[in-house]
C-alpha cells in the first residue's frame, strides 16, 4: 500500500497538468496581506480530503461493478450498449450544423 501511494504521489506531483491546475487555482484563494503558508496548508489539506474521498468512492464502486462484469454475457451487453451510445453521439455530431 505504501509503495502504491508513493508511486501515485510521484506521478501526480510530476504531472504538468496538475501543476498548472494548482498554479491557476490556489492564487485565487490566497490573501497576500496574510501569512501565506497556513493558507496553502489549508487549501492543500482541503484538496487531499476531497480527493481522497472521491477516489475511495470510485475505487469502491469499481470493485462492486467489477463483480457484475464477471459474467461474459453482461460484459458483452455493456460493450454493445456503450458502443451504440458512441455511434449515436458521433451521428449527432455529424448531423449538427456547427
PDB file of N, CA and C in Angstrom:
ATOM      1  N   UNK A   1       0.828  -1.195   0.000  1.00  0.00           N
ATOM      2  CA  UNK A   1       0.000   0.000   0.000  1.00  0.00           C
ATOM      3  C   UNK A   1       0.871   1.258   0.000  1.00  0.00           C
ATOM      4  N   UNK A   2       1.927   1.237   0.802  1.00  0.00           N
ATOM      5  CA  UNK A   2       2.820   2.384   0.888  1.00  0.00           C
ATOM      6  C   UNK A   2       3.512   2.641  -0.451  1.00  0.00           C
ATOM      7  N   UNK A   3       3.916   1.564  -1.114  1.00  0.00           N
ATOM      8  CA  UNK A   3       4.575   1.690  -2.414  1.00  0.00           C
ATOM      9  C   UNK A   3       3.620   2.256  -3.453  1.00  0.00           C
ATOM     10  N   UNK A   4       2.371   1.788  -3.450  1.00  0.00           N
ATOM     11  CA  UNK A   4       1.379   2.299  -4.401  1.00  0.00           C
ATOM     12  C   UNK A   4       1.105   3.775  -4.155  1.00  0.00           C
ATOM     13  N   UNK A   5       0.999   4.150  -2.877  1.00  0.00           N
ATOM     14  CA  UNK A   5       0.763   5.558  -2.555  1.00  0.00           C
ATOM     15  C   UNK A   5       1.927   6.416  -3.040  1.00  0.00           C
ATOM     16  N   UNK A   6       3.147   5.978  -2.764  1.00  0.00           N
ATOM     17  CA  UNK A   6       4.330   6.733  -3.172  1.00  0.00           C
ATOM     18  C   UNK A   6       4.379   6.861  -4.699  1.00  0.00           C
ATOM     19  N   UNK A   7       4.113   5.782  -5.398  1.00  0.00           N
ATOM     20  CA  UNK A   7       4.126   5.808  -6.863  1.00  0.00           C
ATOM     21  C   UNK A   7       3.055   6.767  -7.403  1.00  0.00           C
ATOM     22  N   UNK A   8       1.866   6.701  -6.838  1.00  0.00           N
ATOM     23  CA  UNK A   8       0.788   7.600  -7.254  1.00  0.00           C
ATOM     24  C   UNK A   8       1.116   9.051  -6.959  1.00  0.00           C
ATOM     25  N   UNK A   9       1.742   9.295  -5.804  1.00  0.00           N
ATOM     26  CA  UNK A   9       2.132  10.659  -5.453  1.00  0.00           C
ATOM     27  C   UNK A   9       3.163  11.195  -6.437  1.00  0.00           C
ATOM     28  N   UNK A  10       4.149  10.388  -6.773  1.00  0.00           N
ATOM     29  CA  UNK A  10       5.197  10.828  -7.706  1.00  0.00           C
ATOM     30  C   UNK A  10       4.603  11.119  -9.077  1.00  0.00           C
ATOM     31  N   UNK A  11       3.701  10.271  -9.532  1.00  0.00           N
ATOM     32  CA  UNK A  11       3.053  10.508 -10.824  1.00  0.00           C
ATOM     33  C   UNK A  11       2.234  11.799 -10.772  1.00  0.00           C
ATOM     34  N   UNK A  12       1.477  11.986  -9.700  1.00  0.00           N
ATOM     35  CA  UNK A  12       0.642  13.181  -9.578  1.00  0.00           C
ATOM     36  C   UNK A  12       1.440  14.457  -9.469  1.00  0.00           C
ATOM     37  N   UNK A  13       2.484  14.442  -8.667  1.00  0.00           N
ATOM     38  CA  UNK A  13       3.261  15.660  -8.447  1.00  0.00           C
ATOM     39  C   UNK A  13       4.098  16.024  -9.674  1.00  0.00           C
ATOM     40  N   UNK A  14       4.394  15.055 -10.529  1.00  0.00           N
ATOM     41  CA  UNK A  14       5.185  15.342 -11.724  1.00  0.00           C
ATOM     42  C   UNK A  14       4.319  15.607 -12.957  1.00  0.00           C
ATOM     43  N   UNK A  15       3.014  15.552 -12.788  1.00  0.00           N
ATOM     44  CA  UNK A  15       2.104  15.785 -13.908  1.00  0.00           C
ATOM     45  C   UNK A  15       1.991  17.289 -14.172  1.00  0.00           C
ATOM     46  N   UNK A  16       2.424  17.758 -15.337  1.00  0.00           N
ATOM     47  CA  UNK A  16       2.367  19.201 -15.614  1.00  0.00           C
ATOM     48  C   UNK A  16       0.951  19.771 -15.576  1.00  0.00           C
ATOM     49  N   UNK A  17      -0.044  18.968 -15.941  1.00  0.00           N
ATOM     50  CA  UNK A  17      -1.430  19.460 -15.890  1.00  0.00           C
ATOM     51  C   UNK A  17      -1.839  19.756 -14.456  1.00  0.00           C
ATOM     52  N   UNK A  18      -1.455  18.888 -13.531  1.00  0.00           N
ATOM     53  CA  UNK A  18      -1.769  19.131 -12.122  1.00  0.00           C
ATOM     54  C   UNK A  18      -1.069  20.381 -11.615  1.00  0.00           C
ATOM     55  N   UNK A  19       0.192  20.543 -11.983  1.00  0.00           N
ATOM     56  CA  UNK A  19       0.941  21.720 -11.540  1.00  0.00           C
ATOM     57  C   UNK A  19       0.304  23.001 -12.077  1.00  0.00           C
ATOM     58  N   UNK A  20      -0.092  22.994 -13.335  1.00  0.00           N
ATOM     59  CA  UNK A  20      -0.760  24.169 -13.910  1.00  0.00           C
ATOM     60  C   UNK A  20      -2.115  24.420 -13.260  1.00  0.00           C
ATOM     61  N   UNK A  21      -2.846  23.352 -12.970  1.00  0.00           N
ATOM     62  CA  UNK A  21      -4.151  23.487 -12.325  1.00  0.00           C
ATOM     63  C   UNK A  21      -4.011  24.165 -10.970  1.00  0.00           C
ATOM     64  N   UNK A  22      -3.092  23.677 -10.155  1.00  0.00           N
ATOM     65  CA  UNK A  22      -2.925  24.262  -8.827  1.00  0.00           C
ATOM     66  C   UNK A  22      -2.328  25.662  -8.901  1.00  0.00           C
ATOM     67  N   UNK A  23      -1.457  25.907  -9.860  1.00  0.00           N
ATOM     68  CA  UNK A  23      -0.892  27.247 -10.029  1.00  0.00           C
ATOM     69  C   UNK A  23      -1.980  28.246 -10.433  1.00  0.00           C
ATOM     70  N   UNK A  24      -2.987  27.784 -11.142  1.00  0.00           N
ATOM     71  CA  UNK A  24      -4.091  28.657 -11.538  1.00  0.00           C
ATOM     72  C   UNK A  24      -5.161  28.754 -10.448  1.00  0.00           C
ATOM     73  N   UNK A  25      -5.351  27.678  -9.676  1.00  0.00           N
ATOM     74  CA  UNK A  25      -6.424  27.645  -8.685  1.00  0.00           C
ATOM     75  C   UNK A  25      -6.050  28.334  -7.379  1.00  0.00           C
ATOM     76  N   UNK A  26      -4.936  27.970  -6.817  1.00  0.00           N
ATOM     77  CA  UNK A  26      -4.592  28.438  -5.475  1.00  0.00           C
ATOM     78  C   UNK A  26      -4.479  29.959  -5.338  1.00  0.00           C
ATOM     79  N   UNK A  27      -3.856  30.671  -6.275  1.00  0.00           N
ATOM     80  CA  UNK A  27      -3.742  32.126  -6.080  1.00  0.00           C
ATOM     81  C   UNK A  27      -5.075  32.849  -5.927  1.00  0.00           C
ATOM     82  N   UNK A  28      -6.124  32.278  -6.474  1.00  0.00           N
ATOM     83  CA  UNK A  28      -7.446  32.909  -6.342  1.00  0.00           C
ATOM     84  C   UNK A  28      -7.963  32.893  -4.904  1.00  0.00           C
ATOM     85  N   UNK A  29      -7.420  32.029  -4.075  1.00  0.00           N
ATOM     86  CA  UNK A  29      -7.897  31.882  -2.707  1.00  0.00           C
ATOM     87  C   UNK A  29      -6.874  32.337  -1.664  1.00  0.00           C
ATOM     88  N   UNK A  30      -5.785  32.935  -2.101  1.00  0.00           N
ATOM     89  CA  UNK A  30      -4.730  33.376  -1.199  1.00  0.00           C
ATOM     90  C   UNK A  30      -4.833  34.886  -0.998  1.00  0.00           C
ATOM     91  N   UNK A  31      -4.849  35.290   0.259  1.00  0.00           N
ATOM     92  CA  UNK A  31      -4.832  36.706   0.613  1.00  0.00           C
ATOM     93  C   UNK A  31      -3.378  37.088   0.881  1.00  0.00           C
ATOM     94  N   UNK A  32      -2.802  37.905   0.001  1.00  0.00           N
ATOM     95  CA  UNK A  32      -1.376  38.224   0.111  1.00  0.00           C
ATOM     96  C   UNK A  32      -1.052  39.082   1.326  1.00  0.00           C
ATOM     97  N   UNK A  33      -2.036  39.703   1.946  1.00  0.00           N
ATOM     98  CA  UNK A  33      -1.773  40.517   3.133  1.00  0.00           C
ATOM     99  C   UNK A  33      -1.712  39.677   4.408  1.00  0.00           C
ATOM    100  N   UNK A  34      -2.017  38.383   4.304  1.00  0.00           N
ATOM    101  CA  UNK A  34      -1.985  37.472   5.450  1.00  0.00           C
ATOM    102  C   UNK A  34      -0.855  36.467   5.263  1.00  0.00           C
ATOM    103  N   UNK A  35      -0.444  35.791   6.346  1.00  0.00           N
ATOM    104  CA  UNK A  35       0.590  34.749   6.202  1.00  0.00           C
ATOM    105  C   UNK A  35       0.132  33.686   5.194  1.00  0.00           C
ATOM    106  N   UNK A  36       0.988  33.404   4.221  1.00  0.00           N
ATOM    107  CA  UNK A  36       0.576  32.559   3.107  1.00  0.00           C
ATOM    108  C   UNK A  36       0.753  31.071   3.363  1.00  0.00           C
ATOM    109  N   UNK A  37       1.709  30.689   4.170  1.00  0.00           N
ATOM    110  CA  UNK A  37       1.963  29.264   4.391  1.00  0.00           C
ATOM    111  C   UNK A  37       0.731  28.559   4.942  1.00  0.00           C
ATOM    112  N   UNK A  38       0.111  29.136   5.962  1.00  0.00           N
ATOM    113  CA  UNK A  38      -1.073  28.491   6.563  1.00  0.00           C
ATOM    114  C   UNK A  38      -2.217  28.423   5.548  1.00  0.00           C
ATOM    115  N   UNK A  39      -2.324  29.418   4.685  1.00  0.00           N
ATOM    116  CA  UNK A  39      -3.369  29.395   3.663  1.00  0.00           C
ATOM    117  C   UNK A  39      -3.137  28.258   2.669  1.00  0.00           C
ATOM    118  N   UNK A  40      -1.876  28.082   2.257  1.00  0.00           N
ATOM    119  CA  UNK A  40      -1.554  26.971   1.355  1.00  0.00           C
ATOM    120  C   UNK A  40      -1.786  25.622   2.022  1.00  0.00           C
ATOM    121  N   UNK A  41      -1.466  25.518   3.301  1.00  0.00           N
ATOM    122  CA  UNK A  41      -1.683  24.268   4.033  1.00  0.00           C
ATOM    123  C   UNK A  41      -3.178  23.953   4.104  1.00  0.00           C
ATOM    124  N   UNK A  42      -3.982  24.944   4.412  1.00  0.00           N
ATOM    125  CA  UNK A  42      -5.436  24.738   4.477  1.00  0.00           C
ATOM    126  C   UNK A  42      -5.980  24.302   3.115  1.00  0.00           C
ATOM    127  N   UNK A  43      -5.552  24.954   2.052  1.00  0.00           N
ATOM    128  CA  UNK A  43      -6.004  24.573   0.710  1.00  0.00           C
ATOM    129  C   UNK A  43      -5.555  23.159   0.353  1.00  0.00           C
ATOM    130  N   UNK A  44      -4.311  22.843   0.675  1.00  0.00           N
ATOM    131  CA  UNK A  44      -3.783  21.512   0.339  1.00  0.00           C
ATOM    132  C   UNK A  44      -4.510  20.423   1.117  1.00  0.00           C
ATOM    133  N   UNK A  45      -4.735  20.643   2.416  1.00  0.00           N
ATOM    134  CA  UNK A  45      -5.432  19.635   3.226  1.00  0.00           C
ATOM    135  C   UNK A  45      -6.869  19.471   2.738  1.00  0.00           C
ATOM    136  N   UNK A  46      -7.518  20.577   2.414  1.00  0.00           N
ATOM    137  CA  UNK A  46      -8.888  20.506   1.880  1.00  0.00           C
ATOM    138  C   UNK A  46      -8.907  19.693   0.592  1.00  0.00           C
ATOM    139  N   UNK A  47      -7.946  19.962  -0.292  1.00  0.00           N
ATOM    140  CA  UNK A  47      -7.872  19.225  -1.555  1.00  0.00           C
ATOM    141  C   UNK A  47      -7.634  17.737  -1.315  1.00  0.00           C
ATOM    142  N   UNK A  48      -6.729  17.407  -0.403  1.00  0.00           N
ATOM    143  CA  UNK A  48      -6.407  15.996  -0.122  1.00  0.00           C
ATOM    144  C   UNK A  48      -7.635  15.274   0.412  1.00  0.00           C
ATOM    145  N   UNK A  49      -8.368  15.901   1.331  1.00  0.00           N
ATOM    146  CA  UNK A  49      -9.562  15.256   1.906  1.00  0.00           C
ATOM    147  C   UNK A  49     -10.612  15.012   0.823  1.00  0.00           C
ATOM    148  N   UNK A  50     -10.867  16.015   0.010  1.00  0.00           N
ATOM    149  CA  UNK A  50     -11.866  15.861  -1.058  1.00  0.00           C
ATOM    150  C   UNK A  50     -11.420  14.817  -2.071  1.00  0.00           C
ATOM    151  N   UNK A  51     -10.159  14.887  -2.498  1.00  0.00           N
ATOM    152  CA  UNK A  51      -9.651  13.949  -3.497  1.00  0.00           C
ATOM    153  C   UNK A  51      -9.642  12.520  -2.955  1.00  0.00           C
ATOM    154  N   UNK A  52      -9.216  12.341  -1.719  1.00  0.00           N
ATOM    155  CA  UNK A  52      -9.202  11.002  -1.114  1.00  0.00           C
ATOM    156  C   UNK A  52     -10.612  10.432  -1.030  1.00  0.00           C
ATOM    157  N   UNK A  53     -11.557  11.268  -0.632  1.00  0.00           N
ATOM    158  CA  UNK A  53     -12.951  10.807  -0.537  1.00  0.00           C
ATOM    159  C   UNK A  53     -13.480  10.378  -1.903  1.00  0.00           C
ATOM    160  N   UNK A  54     -13.238  11.194  -2.924  1.00  0.00           N
ATOM    161  CA  UNK A  54     -13.718  10.853  -4.262  1.00  0.00           C
ATOM    162  C   UNK A  54     -13.033   9.606  -4.817  1.00  0.00           C
ATOM    163  N   UNK A  55     -11.733   9.527  -4.672  1.00  0.00           N
ATOM    164  CA  UNK A  55     -11.007   8.363  -5.210  1.00  0.00           C
ATOM    165  C   UNK A  55     -11.384   7.079  -4.476  1.00  0.00           C
ATOM    166  N   UNK A  56     -11.632   7.169  -3.174  1.00  0.00           N
ATOM    167  CA  UNK A  56     -12.074   5.995  -2.421  1.00  0.00           C
ATOM    168  C   UNK A  56     -13.460   5.549  -2.886  1.00  0.00           C
ATOM    169  N   UNK A  57     -14.315   6.521  -3.154  1.00  0.00           N
ATOM    170  CA  UNK A  57     -15.651   6.204  -3.660  1.00  0.00           C
ATOM    171  C   UNK A  57     -15.560   5.538  -5.029  1.00  0.00           C
ATOM    172  N   UNK A  58     -14.722   6.087  -5.917  1.00  0.00           N
ATOM    173  CA  UNK A  58     -14.530   5.479  -7.237  1.00  0.00           C
ATOM    174  C   UNK A  58     -14.009   4.053  -7.114  1.00  0.00           C
ATOM    175  N   UNK A  59     -13.052   3.851  -6.219  1.00  0.00           N
ATOM    176  CA  UNK A  59     -12.473   2.514  -6.053  1.00  0.00           C
ATOM    177  C   UNK A  59     -13.524   1.535  -5.530  1.00  0.00           C
ATOM    178  N   UNK A  60     -14.319   1.978  -4.575  1.00  0.00           N
ATOM    179  CA  UNK A  60     -15.376   1.113  -4.044  1.00  0.00           C
ATOM    180  C   UNK A  60     -16.412   0.760  -5.100  1.00  0.00           C
ATOM    181  N   UNK A  61     -16.825   1.758  -5.875  1.00  0.00           N
ATOM    182  CA  UNK A  61     -17.784   1.496  -6.944  1.00  0.00           C
ATOM    183  C   UNK A  61     -17.186   0.580  -8.004  1.00  0.00           C
ATOM    184  N   UNK A  62     -15.931   0.821  -8.344  1.00  0.00           N
ATOM    185  CA  UNK A  62     -15.259  -0.027  -9.338  1.00  0.00           C
ATOM    186  C   UNK A  62     -15.170  -1.469  -8.876  1.00  0.00           C
ATOM    187  N   UNK A  63     -14.901  -1.656  -7.593  1.00  0.00           N
ATOM    188  CA  UNK A  63     -14.835  -3.009  -7.042  1.00  0.00           C
ATOM    189  C   UNK A  63     -16.194  -3.698  -7.125  1.00  0.00           C
ATOM    190  N   UNK A  64     -17.240  -2.955  -6.808  1.00  0.00           N
ATOM    191  CA  UNK A  64     -18.593  -3.525  -6.877  1.00  0.00           C
ATOM    192  C   UNK A  64     -18.987  -3.851  -8.308  1.00  0.00           C
ATOM    193  N   UNK A  65     -18.686  -2.936  -9.210  1.00  0.00           N
ATOM    194  CA  UNK A  65     -19.063  -3.119 -10.606  1.00  0.00           C
ATOM    195  C   UNK A  65     -18.261  -4.245 -11.249  1.00  0.00           C
ATOM    196  N   UNK A  66     -17.017  -4.428 -10.829  1.00  0.00           N
ATOM    197  CA  UNK A  66     -16.184  -5.469 -11.450  1.00  0.00           C
ATOM    198  C   UNK A  66     -16.784  -6.859 -11.226  1.00  0.00           C
ATOM    199  N   UNK A  67     -17.419  -7.072 -10.090  1.00  0.00           N
ATOM    200  CA  UNK A  67     -18.081  -8.366  -9.852  1.00  0.00           C
ATOM    201  C   UNK A  67     -19.240  -8.570 -10.818  1.00  0.00           C
ATOM    202  N   UNK A  68     -19.919  -7.481 -11.135  1.00  0.00           N
ATOM    203  CA  UNK A  68     -21.052  -7.563 -12.055  1.00  0.00           C
ATOM    204  C   UNK A  68     -20.570  -7.941 -13.453  1.00  0.00           C
ATOM    205  N   UNK A  69     -19.378  -7.468 -13.842  1.00  0.00           N
ATOM    206  CA  UNK A  69     -18.838  -7.737 -15.177  1.00  0.00           C
ATOM    207  C   UNK A  69     -18.162  -9.094 -15.296  1.00  0.00           C
ATOM    208  N   UNK A  70     -18.147  -9.889 -14.260  1.00  0.00           N
ATOM    209  CA  UNK A  70     -17.544 -11.211 -14.362  1.00  0.00           C
ATOM    210  C   UNK A  70     -18.363 -12.138 -15.263  1.00  0.00           C
ATOM    211  N   UNK A  71     -19.601 -11.784 -15.462  1.00  0.00           N
ATOM    212  CA  UNK A  71     -20.438 -12.545 -16.381  1.00  0.00           C
ATOM    213  C   UNK A  71     -20.145 -12.093 -17.812  1.00  0.00           C
ATOM    214  N   UNK A  72     -19.689 -13.010 -18.677  1.00  0.00           N
ATOM    215  CA  UNK A  72     -19.384 -12.624 -20.065  1.00  0.00           C
ATOM    216  C   UNK A  72     -20.597 -12.049 -20.796  1.00  0.00           C
ATOM    217  N   UNK A  73     -21.773 -12.519 -20.445  1.00  0.00           N
ATOM    218  CA  UNK A  73     -22.991 -12.030 -21.088  1.00  0.00           C
ATOM    219  C   UNK A  73     -23.244 -10.555 -20.747  1.00  0.00           C
ATOM    220  N   UNK A  74     -23.094 -10.205 -19.478  1.00  0.00           N
ATOM    221  CA  UNK A  74     -23.273  -8.808 -19.065  1.00  0.00           C
ATOM    222  C   UNK A  74     -22.200  -7.916 -19.678  1.00  0.00           C
ATOM    223  N   UNK A  75     -20.979  -8.425 -19.710  1.00  0.00           N
ATOM    224  CA  UNK A  75     -19.868  -7.668 -20.277  1.00  0.00           C
ATOM    225  C   UNK A  75     -20.120  -7.363 -21.750  1.00  0.00           C
ATOM    226  N   UNK A  76     -20.613  -8.365 -22.491  1.00  0.00           N
ATOM    227  CA  UNK A  76     -20.909  -8.189 -23.907  1.00  0.00           C
ATOM    228  C   UNK A  76     -22.047  -7.185 -24.096  1.00  0.00           C
ATOM    229  N   UNK A  77     -23.077  -7.290 -23.253  1.00  0.00           N
ATOM    230  CA  UNK A  77     -24.195  -6.350 -23.327  1.00  0.00           C
ATOM    231  C   UNK A  77     -23.740  -4.913 -23.067  1.00  0.00           C
ATOM    232  N   UNK A  78     -22.886  -4.765 -22.068  1.00  0.00           N
ATOM    233  CA  UNK A  78     -22.359  -3.440 -21.737  1.00  0.00           C
ATOM    234  C   UNK A  78     -21.562  -2.869 -22.911  1.00  0.00           C
ATOM    235  N   UNK A  79     -20.710  -3.675 -23.515  1.00  0.00           N
ATOM    236  CA  UNK A  79     -19.922  -3.213 -24.657  1.00  0.00           C
ATOM    237  C   UNK A  79     -20.813  -2.801 -25.819  1.00  0.00           C
ATOM    238  N   UNK A  80     -21.846  -3.557 -26.067  1.00  0.00           N
ATOM    239  CA  UNK A  80     -22.759  -3.210 -27.159  1.00  0.00           C
ATOM    240  C   UNK A  80     -23.520  -1.924 -26.863  1.00  0.00           C
ATOM    241  N   UNK A  81     -23.954  -1.766 -25.615  1.00  0.00           N
ATOM    242  CA  UNK A  81     -24.700  -0.558 -25.243  1.00  0.00           C
ATOM    243  C   UNK A  81     -23.815   0.684 -25.332  1.00  0.00           C
ATOM    244  N   UNK A  82     -22.602   0.609 -24.787  1.00  0.00           N
ATOM    245  CA  UNK A  82     -21.732   1.778 -24.840  1.00  0.00           C
ATOM    246  C   UNK A  82     -21.270   2.050 -26.274  1.00  0.00           C
ATOM    247  N   UNK A  83     -21.038   1.015 -27.042  1.00  0.00           N
ATOM    248  CA  UNK A  83     -20.692   1.208 -28.454  1.00  0.00           C
ATOM    249  C   UNK A  83     -21.812   1.897 -29.200  1.00  0.00           C
ATOM    250  N   UNK A  84     -23.038   1.484 -28.935  1.00  0.00           N
ATOM    251  CA  UNK A  84     -24.198   2.127 -29.558  1.00  0.00           C
ATOM    252  C   UNK A  84     -24.308   3.590 -29.171  1.00  0.00           C
ATOM    253  N   UNK A  85     -24.010   3.892 -27.894  1.00  0.00           N
ATOM    254  CA  UNK A  85     -24.052   5.290 -27.459  1.00  0.00           C
ATOM    255  C   UNK A  85     -22.989   6.130 -28.174  1.00  0.00           C
ATOM    256  N   UNK A  86     -21.794   5.563 -28.360  1.00  0.00           N
ATOM    257  CA  UNK A  86     -20.745   6.289 -29.073  1.00  0.00           C
ATOM    258  C   UNK A  86     -21.128   6.516 -30.531  1.00  0.00           C
ATOM    259  N   UNK A  87     -21.734   5.526 -31.157  1.00  0.00           N
ATOM    260  CA  UNK A  87     -22.179   5.673 -32.545  1.00  0.00           C
ATOM    261  C   UNK A  87     -23.267   6.741 -32.636  1.00  0.00           C
ATOM    262  N   UNK A  88     -24.187   6.737 -31.675  1.00  0.00           N
ATOM    263  CA  UNK A  88     -25.258   7.748 -31.666  1.00  0.00           C
ATOM    264  C   UNK A  88     -24.678   9.136 -31.438  1.00  0.00           C
ATOM    265  N   UNK A  89     -23.692   9.256 -30.542  1.00  0.00           N
ATOM    266  CA  UNK A  89     -23.069  10.569 -30.296  1.00  0.00           C
ATOM    267  C   UNK A  89     -22.332  11.039 -31.550  1.00  0.00           C
ATOM    268  N   UNK A  90     -21.636  10.133 -32.234  1.00  0.00           N
ATOM    269  CA  UNK A  90     -20.957  10.504 -33.464  1.00  0.00           C
ATOM    270  C   UNK A  90     -21.911  10.910 -34.552  1.00  0.00           C
ATOM    271  N   UNK A  91     -23.014  10.193 -34.662  1.00  0.00           N
ATOM    272  CA  UNK A  91     -24.036  10.555 -35.643  1.00  0.00           C
ATOM    273  C   UNK A  91     -24.645  11.918 -35.346  1.00  0.00           C
ATOM    274  N   UNK A  92     -24.860  12.195 -34.081  1.00  0.00           N
ATOM    275  CA  UNK A  92     -25.409  13.502 -33.677  1.00  0.00           C
ATOM    276  C   UNK A  92     -24.430  14.614 -34.032  1.00  0.00           C
ATOM    277  N   UNK A  93     -23.153  14.392 -33.750  1.00  0.00           N
ATOM    278  CA  UNK A  93     -22.143  15.392 -34.101  1.00  0.00           C
ATOM    279  C   UNK A  93     -22.073  15.608 -35.607  1.00  0.00           C
ATOM    280  N   UNK A  94     -22.144  14.524 -36.345  1.00  0.00           N
ATOM    281  CA  UNK A  94     -22.073  14.611 -37.793  1.00  0.00           C
ATOM    282  C   UNK A  94     -23.277  15.381 -38.356  1.00  0.00           C
ATOM    283  N   UNK A  95     -24.436  15.190 -37.748  1.00  0.00           N
ATOM    284  CA  UNK A  95     -25.654  15.814 -38.241  1.00  0.00           C
ATOM    285  C   UNK A  95     -25.815  17.274 -37.767  1.00  0.00           C
ATOM    286  N   UNK A  96     -25.022  17.675 -36.791  1.00  0.00           N
ATOM    287  CA  UNK A  96     -25.183  19.041 -36.279  1.00  0.00           C
ATOM    288  C   UNK A  96     -24.635  20.056 -37.279  1.00  0.00           C
ATOM    289  N   UNK A  97     -25.128  21.258 -37.193  1.00  0.00           N
ATOM    290  CA  UNK A  97     -24.749  22.319 -38.134  1.00  0.00           C
ATOM    291  C   UNK A  97     -23.476  23.036 -37.719  1.00  0.00           C
ATOM    292  N   UNK A  98     -22.965  22.777 -36.564  1.00  0.00           N
ATOM    293  CA  UNK A  98     -21.811  23.538 -36.050  1.00  0.00           C
ATOM    294  C   UNK A  98     -20.572  22.918 -36.528  1.00  0.00           C
TER     295      UNK A  98
END
